[in-house]
Amino acid sequence: MSFRLPAIALALFAINFVAAAVLYARERVAAYVVLSTGLLVQAMFWVATTRIVY
């Protein structure tokens, strides 16, 4: 269980990064929104993982 959440978070980060890279050429603001949302999701996963471990 302790490796499942980081793996899911990494997969979501990769999907967000690819989506932002595709969007960046057309709409920079949308790419920034996707990246900032991805950072928020990463922070939430980090909190969830630390709460499970400790």
C-alpha atoms as a PDB file:
ATOM      1  CA  MET A   1       0.000   0.000   0.000  1.00  0.00           C
ATOM      2  CA  SER A   2       2.791   2.433   0.786  1.00  0.00           C
ATOM      3  CA  PHE A   3       4.136   2.259  -2.784  1.00  0.00           C
ATOM      4  CA  ARG A   4       0.759   2.454  -4.495  1.00  0.00           C
ATOM      5  CA  LEU A   5       0.020   6.117  -3.719  1.00  0.00           C
ATOM      6  CA  PRO A   6       3.408   7.425  -4.919  1.00  0.00           C
ATOM      7  CA  ALA A   7       3.067   5.342  -8.085  1.00  0.00           C
ATOM      8  CA  ILE A   8      -0.372   6.807  -8.774  1.00  0.00           C
ATOM      9  CA  ALA A   9       0.952  10.300  -8.068  1.00  0.00           C
ATOM     10  CA  LEU A  10       3.838   9.755 -10.488  1.00  0.00           C
ATOM     11  CA  ALA A  11       1.472   8.541 -13.200  1.00  0.00           C
ATOM     12  CA  LEU A  12      -0.771  11.572 -12.727  1.00  0.00           C
ATOM     13  CA  PHE A  13       2.249  13.872 -12.828  1.00  0.00           C
ATOM     14  CA  ALA A  14       3.374  12.315 -16.103  1.00  0.00           C
ATOM     15  CA  ILE A  15      -0.102  12.702 -17.611  1.00  0.00           C
ATOM     16  CA  ASN A  16      -0.288  16.330 -16.452  1.00  0.00           C
ATOM     17  CA  PHE A  17       3.176  17.049 -17.826  1.00  0.00           C
ATOM     18  CA  VAL A  18       2.317  15.633 -21.247  1.00  0.00           C
ATOM     19  CA  ALA A  19      -0.983  17.529 -21.292  1.00  0.00           C
ATOM     20  CA  ALA A  20       0.800  20.760 -20.362  1.00  0.00           C
ATOM     21  CA  ALA A  21       3.443  20.210 -23.035  1.00  0.00           C
ATOM     22  CA  VAL A  22       0.744  19.729 -25.670  1.00  0.00           C
ATOM     23  CA  LEU A  23      -1.226  22.751 -24.460  1.00  0.00           C
ATOM     24  CA  TYR A  24       1.791  25.035 -24.171  1.00  0.00           C
ATOM     25  CA  ALA A  25       2.102  25.499 -27.918  1.00  0.00           C
ATOM     26  CA  ARG A  26      -1.512  26.629 -28.245  1.00  0.00           C
ATOM     27  CA  GLU A  27      -2.494  28.142 -24.907  1.00  0.00           C
ATOM     28  CA  ARG A  28       0.152  28.971 -22.322  1.00  0.00           C
ATOM     29  CA  VAL A  29      -2.296  29.897 -19.584  1.00  0.00           C
ATOM     30  CA  ALA A  30      -4.032  26.523 -19.855  1.00  0.00           C
ATOM     31  CA  ALA A  31      -0.659  24.786 -19.616  1.00  0.00           C
ATOM     32  CA  TYR A  32       0.167  26.749 -16.468  1.00  0.00           C
ATOM     33  CA  VAL A  33      -3.203  25.848 -14.969  1.00  0.00           C
ATOM     34  CA  VAL A  34      -2.609  22.165 -15.678  1.00  0.00           C
ATOM     35  CA  LEU A  35       0.861  22.306 -14.133  1.00  0.00           C
ATOM     36  CA  SER A  36      -0.288  24.192 -11.043  1.00  0.00           C
ATOM     37  CA  THR A  37      -3.157  21.752 -10.564  1.00  0.00           C
ATOM     38  CA  GLY A  38      -0.659  18.933 -10.876  1.00  0.00           C
ATOM     39  CA  LEU A  39       1.457  20.481  -8.123  1.00  0.00           C
ATOM     40  CA  LEU A  40      -1.597  20.727  -5.888  1.00  0.00           C
ATOM     41  CA  VAL A  41      -2.431  17.076  -6.532  1.00  0.00           C
ATOM     42  CA  GLN A  42       1.172  16.093  -5.753  1.00  0.00           C
ATOM     43  CA  ALA A  43       0.989  17.962  -2.446  1.00  0.00           C
ATOM     44  CA  MET A  44      -2.253  16.199  -1.559  1.00  0.00           C
ATOM     45  CA  PHE A  45      -0.726  12.808  -2.372  1.00  0.00           C
ATOM     46  CA  TRP A  46       2.319  13.687  -0.271  1.00  0.00           C
ATOM     47  CA  VAL A  47       0.105  14.541   2.702  1.00  0.00           C
ATOM     48  CA  ALA A  48      -1.928  11.359   2.252  1.00  0.00           C
ATOM     49  CA  THR A  49       1.191   9.202   2.049  1.00  0.00           C
ATOM     50  CA  THR A  50       2.784  10.750   5.138  1.00  0.00           C
ATOM     51  CA  ARG A  51      -0.453  10.340   7.097  1.00  0.00           C
ATOM     52  CA  ILE A  52      -0.557   6.647   6.196  1.00  0.00           C
ATOM     53  CA  VAL A  53       3.103   6.050   7.033  1.00  0.00           C
ATOM     54  CA  TYR A  54       3.123   7.990  10.295  1.00  0.00           C
END
